[in-house]
C-alpha atoms as a PDB file:
ATOM      1  CA  UNK A   1     -14.825   6.553  14.417  1.00  0.00           C
ATOM      2  CA  UNK A   2     -12.373   5.160  11.915  1.00  0.00           C
ATOM      3  CA  UNK A   3     -12.213   6.236   8.304  1.00  0.00           C
ATOM      4  CA  UNK A   4     -12.445   3.440   5.769  1.00  0.00           C
ATOM      5  CA  UNK A   5     -13.184   4.444   2.206  1.00  0.00           C
ATOM      6  CA  UNK A   6     -13.504   1.977  -0.648  1.00  0.00           C
ATOM      7  CA  UNK A   7     -12.734   2.487  -4.334  1.00  0.00           C
ATOM      8  CA  UNK A   8     -12.913   0.077  -7.257  1.00  0.00           C
ATOM      9  CA  UNK A   9      -9.492  -0.019  -8.880  1.00  0.00           C
ATOM     10  CA  UNK A  10     -10.923   0.015 -12.400  1.00  0.00           C
ATOM     11  CA  UNK A  11     -13.529   2.739 -11.993  1.00  0.00           C
ATOM     12  CA  UNK A  12     -13.068   5.921 -13.976  1.00  0.00           C
ATOM     13  CA  UNK A  13     -10.703   8.341 -12.185  1.00  0.00           C
ATOM     14  CA  UNK A  14     -10.381   6.135  -9.090  1.00  0.00           C
ATOM     15  CA  UNK A  15      -6.810   7.403  -8.627  1.00  0.00           C
ATOM     16  CA  UNK A  16      -8.121  10.994  -8.442  1.00  0.00           C
ATOM     17  CA  UNK A  17     -10.769  10.059  -5.867  1.00  0.00           C
ATOM     18  CA  UNK A  18      -8.134   8.263  -3.777  1.00  0.00           C
ATOM     19  CA  UNK A  19      -5.722  11.171  -4.220  1.00  0.00           C
ATOM     20  CA  UNK A  20      -8.301  13.647  -2.946  1.00  0.00           C
ATOM     21  CA  UNK A  21      -8.809  11.512   0.153  1.00  0.00           C
ATOM     22  CA  UNK A  22      -5.152  10.847   0.964  1.00  0.00           C
ATOM     23  CA  UNK A  23      -4.054  14.414   0.237  1.00  0.00           C
ATOM     24  CA  UNK A  24      -4.288  15.177   3.960  1.00  0.00           C
ATOM     25  CA  UNK A  25      -1.992  12.225   4.738  1.00  0.00           C
ATOM     26  CA  UNK A  26       0.939  13.751   2.855  1.00  0.00           C
ATOM     27  CA  UNK A  27       3.173  15.796   5.154  1.00  0.00           C
ATOM     28  CA  UNK A  28       6.826  16.870   5.225  1.00  0.00           C
ATOM     29  CA  UNK A  29       7.688  13.856   7.372  1.00  0.00           C
ATOM     30  CA  UNK A  30       5.660  11.266   5.435  1.00  0.00           C
ATOM     31  CA  UNK A  31       7.282   7.991   4.487  1.00  0.00           C
ATOM     32  CA  UNK A  32       5.756   5.119   2.566  1.00  0.00           C
ATOM     33  CA  UNK A  33       6.206   1.509   3.628  1.00  0.00           C
ATOM     34  CA  UNK A  34       5.092  -1.124   1.138  1.00  0.00           C
ATOM     35  CA  UNK A  35       4.633  -4.628   2.508  1.00  0.00           C
ATOM     36  CA  UNK A  36       4.773  -7.878   0.550  1.00  0.00           C
ATOM     37  CA  UNK A  37       6.958 -10.147  -1.521  1.00  0.00           C
ATOM     38  CA  UNK A  38       7.696 -10.633  -5.179  1.00  0.00           C
ATOM     39  CA  UNK A  39       7.665 -14.401  -4.663  1.00  0.00           C
ATOM     40  CA  UNK A  40       3.861 -14.627  -4.704  1.00  0.00           C
ATOM     41  CA  UNK A  41       1.505 -12.753  -7.044  1.00  0.00           C
ATOM     42  CA  UNK A  42      -1.189 -12.276  -4.401  1.00  0.00           C
ATOM     43  CA  UNK A  43       1.348 -10.582  -2.109  1.00  0.00           C
ATOM     44  CA  UNK A  44       3.286  -8.400  -4.567  1.00  0.00           C
ATOM     45  CA  UNK A  45       1.014  -5.317  -4.560  1.00  0.00           C
ATOM     46  CA  UNK A  46       3.077  -3.445  -1.954  1.00  0.00           C
ATOM     47  CA  UNK A  47       6.465  -4.022  -3.603  1.00  0.00           C
ATOM     48  CA  UNK A  48       5.002  -3.103  -7.004  1.00  0.00           C
ATOM     49  CA  UNK A  49       3.714   0.209  -5.604  1.00  0.00           C
ATOM     50  CA  UNK A  50       7.078   0.875  -3.958  1.00  0.00           C
ATOM     51  CA  UNK A  51       8.947   0.151  -7.185  1.00  0.00           C
ATOM     52  CA  UNK A  52       6.653   2.355  -9.263  1.00  0.00           C
ATOM     53  CA  UNK A  53       6.989   5.261  -6.823  1.00  0.00           C
ATOM     54  CA  UNK A  54      10.776   4.975  -6.840  1.00  0.00           C
ATOM     55  CA  UNK A  55      10.891   4.712 -10.652  1.00  0.00           C
ATOM     56  CA  UNK A  56       8.799   7.873 -10.880  1.00  0.00           C
ATOM     57  CA  UNK A  57      11.192   9.635  -8.494  1.00  0.00           C
ATOM     58  CA  UNK A  58       8.790  10.583  -5.731  1.00  0.00           C
ATOM     59  CA  UNK A  59      10.722  12.686  -3.243  1.00  0.00           C
ATOM     60  CA  UNK A  60       9.258  10.951  -0.184  1.00  0.00           C
ATOM     61  CA  UNK A  61      11.179   8.051   1.368  1.00  0.00           C
ATOM     62  CA  UNK A  62       9.782   4.748   0.050  1.00  0.00           C
ATOM     63  CA  UNK A  63      10.577   1.360   1.579  1.00  0.00           C
ATOM     64  CA  UNK A  64       9.566  -2.024   0.191  1.00  0.00           C
ATOM     65  CA  UNK A  65      10.167  -2.643  -3.498  1.00  0.00           C
ATOM     66  CA  UNK A  66      10.482  -5.604  -5.813  1.00  0.00           C
ATOM     67  CA  UNK A  67      14.274  -5.327  -5.455  1.00  0.00           C
ATOM     68  CA  UNK A  68      14.219  -4.886  -1.658  1.00  0.00           C
ATOM     69  CA  UNK A  69      10.890  -6.139  -0.269  1.00  0.00           C
ATOM     70  CA  UNK A  70       9.611  -5.944   3.300  1.00  0.00           C
ATOM     71  CA  UNK A  71       7.925  -9.232   4.184  1.00  0.00           C
ATOM     72  CA  UNK A  72       7.212 -11.545   7.100  1.00  0.00           C
ATOM     73  CA  UNK A  73      10.808 -12.805   7.349  1.00  0.00           C
ATOM     74  CA  UNK A  74      12.421  -9.345   7.611  1.00  0.00           C
ATOM     75  CA  UNK A  75       9.688  -6.972   8.774  1.00  0.00           C
ATOM     76  CA  UNK A  76      10.913  -6.615  12.365  1.00  0.00           C
ATOM     77  CA  UNK A  77      14.464  -5.715  11.315  1.00  0.00           C
ATOM     78  CA  UNK A  78      13.351  -3.438   8.477  1.00  0.00           C
ATOM     79  CA  UNK A  79      10.878  -1.508  10.646  1.00  0.00           C
ATOM     80  CA  UNK A  80      13.558  -0.944  13.312  1.00  0.00           C
ATOM     81  CA  UNK A  81      15.949   0.397  10.662  1.00  0.00           C
ATOM     82  CA  UNK A  82      13.245   2.648   9.175  1.00  0.00           C
ATOM     83  CA  UNK A  83      12.181   4.014  12.564  1.00  0.00           C
ATOM     84  CA  UNK A  84      15.807   4.721  13.451  1.00  0.00           C
ATOM     85  CA  UNK A  85      16.204   6.780  10.264  1.00  0.00           C
ATOM     86  CA  UNK A  86      12.767   8.434  10.516  1.00  0.00           C
ATOM     87  CA  UNK A  87      11.814   8.568  14.217  1.00  0.00           C
ATOM     88  CA  UNK A  88       9.085  11.222  13.883  1.00  0.00           C
ATOM     89  CA  UNK A  89       7.636  10.096  10.595  1.00  0.00           C
ATOM     90  CA  UNK A  90       4.050   9.846   9.443  1.00  0.00           C
ATOM     91  CA  UNK A  91       3.748   6.453   7.779  1.00  0.00           C
ATOM     92  CA  UNK A  92       1.491   5.389   4.943  1.00  0.00           C
ATOM     93  CA  UNK A  93       1.420   1.591   4.893  1.00  0.00           C
ATOM     94  CA  UNK A  94       0.547  -0.259   1.694  1.00  0.00           C
ATOM     95  CA  UNK A  95      -0.262  -3.945   1.396  1.00  0.00           C
ATOM     96  CA  UNK A  96      -2.311  -6.560  -0.427  1.00  0.00           C
ATOM     97  CA  UNK A  97      -5.238  -7.991   1.439  1.00  0.00           C
ATOM     98  CA  UNK A  98      -7.645 -10.894   1.298  1.00  0.00           C
ATOM     99  CA  UNK A  99     -11.346 -10.105   1.659  1.00  0.00           C
ATOM    100  CA  UNK A 100     -14.862 -11.110   0.743  1.00  0.00           C
ATOM    101  CA  UNK A 101     -15.253 -12.381  -2.817  1.00  0.00           C
ATOM    102  CA  UNK A 102     -17.432  -9.375  -3.733  1.00  0.00           C
ATOM    103  CA  UNK A 103     -14.703  -6.996  -2.471  1.00  0.00           C
ATOM    104  CA  UNK A 104     -11.987  -8.231  -4.844  1.00  0.00           C
ATOM    105  CA  UNK A 105     -10.682  -5.238  -6.789  1.00  0.00           C
ATOM    106  CA  UNK A 106     -11.425  -2.698  -4.071  1.00  0.00           C
ATOM    107  CA  UNK A 107      -8.800  -0.344  -2.727  1.00  0.00           C
ATOM    108  CA  UNK A 108      -9.399   0.620   0.896  1.00  0.00           C
ATOM    109  CA  UNK A 109      -7.989   3.802   2.384  1.00  0.00           C
ATOM    110  CA  UNK A 110      -8.027   3.726   6.173  1.00  0.00           C
ATOM    111  CA  UNK A 111      -6.909   6.006   8.964  1.00  0.00           C
ATOM    112  CA  UNK A 112      -5.424   3.125  10.907  1.00  0.00           C
ATOM    113  CA  UNK A 113      -2.460   0.766  10.424  1.00  0.00           C
ATOM    114  CA  UNK A 114      -2.060  -2.344   8.314  1.00  0.00           C
ATOM    115  CA  UNK A 115      -1.958  -5.675  10.106  1.00  0.00           C
ATOM    116  CA  UNK A 116       0.345  -7.634   7.762  1.00  0.00           C
ATOM    117  CA  UNK A 117      -0.167 -11.370   7.624  1.00  0.00           C
ATOM    118  CA  UNK A 118      -3.512 -11.257   9.440  1.00  0.00           C
ATOM    119  CA  UNK A 119      -5.340 -12.816   6.490  1.00  0.00           C
ATOM    120  CA  UNK A 120      -3.089 -15.872   6.597  1.00  0.00           C
ATOM    121  CA  UNK A 121      -2.913 -16.191  10.389  1.00  0.00           C
ATOM    122  CA  UNK A 122       0.461 -14.531  10.995  1.00  0.00           C
ATOM    123  CA  UNK A 123       1.088 -12.147  13.886  1.00  0.00           C
ATOM    124  CA  UNK A 124       3.334  -9.347  12.650  1.00  0.00           C
ATOM    125  CA  UNK A 125       3.819  -5.738  13.765  1.00  0.00           C
ATOM    126  CA  UNK A 126       1.346  -3.085  12.661  1.00  0.00           C
ATOM    127  CA  UNK A 127       2.552  -0.734   9.937  1.00  0.00           C
ATOM    128  CA  UNK A 128       1.521   2.850   9.378  1.00  0.00           C
ATOM    129  CA  UNK A 129      -0.462   5.682  10.817  1.00  0.00           C
ATOM    130  CA  UNK A 130      -2.776   5.236   7.833  1.00  0.00           C
ATOM    131  CA  UNK A 131      -3.046   2.478   5.282  1.00  0.00           C
ATOM    132  CA  UNK A 132      -3.950   1.683   1.720  1.00  0.00           C
ATOM    133  CA  UNK A 133      -4.815  -1.924   0.971  1.00  0.00           C
ATOM    134  CA  UNK A 134      -5.869  -3.638  -2.215  1.00  0.00           C
ATOM    135  CA  UNK A 135      -8.235  -6.592  -1.988  1.00  0.00           C
ATOM    136  CA  UNK A 136      -6.452  -9.062  -4.263  1.00  0.00           C
ATOM    137  CA  UNK A 137      -8.290 -12.292  -3.552  1.00  0.00           C
ATOM    138  CA  UNK A 138     -10.938 -13.911  -1.416  1.00  0.00           C
ATOM    139  CA  UNK A 139     -10.297 -15.125   2.108  1.00  0.00           C
ATOM    140  CA  UNK A 140     -12.903 -17.826   1.501  1.00  0.00           C
ATOM    141  CA  UNK A 141     -10.415 -20.252   0.006  1.00  0.00           C
ATOM    142  CA  UNK A 142      -8.074 -22.270   2.148  1.00  0.00           C
ATOM    143  CA  UNK A 143      -6.566 -24.029  -0.867  1.00  0.00           C
ATOM    144  CA  UNK A 144      -3.124 -22.594  -1.687  1.00  0.00           C
ATOM    145  CA  UNK A 145      -3.489 -23.670  -5.314  1.00  0.00           C
ATOM    146  CA  UNK A 146      -6.323 -21.159  -5.711  1.00  0.00           C
ATOM    147  CA  UNK A 147      -3.784 -18.364  -5.195  1.00  0.00           C
ATOM    148  CA  UNK A 148      -2.315 -19.230  -8.585  1.00  0.00           C
ATOM    149  CA  UNK A 149      -5.463 -17.971 -10.341  1.00  0.00           C
ATOM    150  CA  UNK A 150      -4.757 -14.295  -9.555  1.00  0.00           C
ATOM    151  CA  UNK A 151      -3.392 -12.551 -12.630  1.00  0.00           C
ATOM    152  CA  UNK A 152      -0.297 -10.383 -12.356  1.00  0.00           C
ATOM    153  CA  UNK A 153      -1.882  -7.819 -14.691  1.00  0.00           C
ATOM    154  CA  UNK A 154      -4.726  -7.305 -12.189  1.00  0.00           C
ATOM    155  CA  UNK A 155      -2.235  -6.632  -9.383  1.00  0.00           C
ATOM    156  CA  UNK A 156      -0.164  -4.328 -11.621  1.00  0.00           C
ATOM    157  CA  UNK A 157      -3.238  -2.292 -12.597  1.00  0.00           C
ATOM    158  CA  UNK A 158      -4.146  -1.879  -8.945  1.00  0.00           C
ATOM    159  CA  UNK A 159      -0.539  -0.902  -8.116  1.00  0.00           C
ATOM    160  CA  UNK A 160      -0.645   1.762 -10.836  1.00  0.00           C
ATOM    161  CA  UNK A 161      -3.881   3.239  -9.453  1.00  0.00           C
ATOM    162  CA  UNK A 162      -2.423   3.437  -5.924  1.00  0.00           C
ATOM    163  CA  UNK A 163       0.897   4.841  -7.186  1.00  0.00           C
ATOM    164  CA  UNK A 164      -0.831   7.466  -9.343  1.00  0.00           C
ATOM    165  CA  UNK A 165      -2.989   8.512  -6.382  1.00  0.00           C
ATOM    166  CA  UNK A 166       0.042   8.920  -4.111  1.00  0.00           C
ATOM    167  CA  UNK A 167       1.996  10.813  -6.773  1.00  0.00           C
ATOM    168  CA  UNK A 168      -0.969  13.107  -7.437  1.00  0.00           C
ATOM    169  CA  UNK A 169      -1.389  13.777  -3.695  1.00  0.00           C
ATOM    170  CA  UNK A 170       2.308  14.473  -3.313  1.00  0.00           C
ATOM    171  CA  UNK A 171       2.294  16.889  -6.250  1.00  0.00           C
ATOM    172  CA  UNK A 172      -0.652  18.762  -4.685  1.00  0.00           C
ATOM    173  CA  UNK A 173       1.283  18.913  -1.399  1.00  0.00           C
ATOM    174  CA  UNK A 174       4.336  20.331  -3.184  1.00  0.00           C
ATOM    175  CA  UNK A 175       2.235  22.948  -5.009  1.00  0.00           C
ATOM    176  CA  UNK A 176       0.621  24.105  -1.749  1.00  0.00           C
ATOM    177  CA  UNK A 177       3.991  24.393  -0.025  1.00  0.00           C
ATOM    178  CA  UNK A 178       5.591  26.300  -2.878  1.00  0.00           C
ATOM    179  CA  UNK A 179       2.781  28.863  -2.733  1.00  0.00           C
ATOM    180  CA  UNK A 180       3.095  29.395   1.023  1.00  0.00           C
END
């Protein structure tokens, strides 16, 4: 049975609830791969999370930022490079996702990989042993112009919740390992 937990990004202490769940995902060999592009608001969640984590100096390897995104055009090459540098890594994949209209604003933590591009019909390689996805918009719209109604502030708030959860989980991991 797969784990799939849902959290509303704007609920009180959602980052703590997410942190408590993903705490077991943080290991010595954990790396974080953030998928998306800064060229489209509905797909910039991953790079925002990656940038925030790097700015806050998390000691885990983080790939996929606003400055150096991992997206459909470079994902194959980037994943090969990452796997060459971290062959035995435990990967947390992070991405934006389309979903049901009533799911917009949810953050899903899952014990299975991300399938980037699936919501828009692309076939790309899976990413991660586990995944964190933010439901940014509805998959009910086929009109590209609708994508321009998603506010950057909404995506940034969600990115901050995910980043804070990962940082909190990592700090708990460090505390446990210092004590042992």
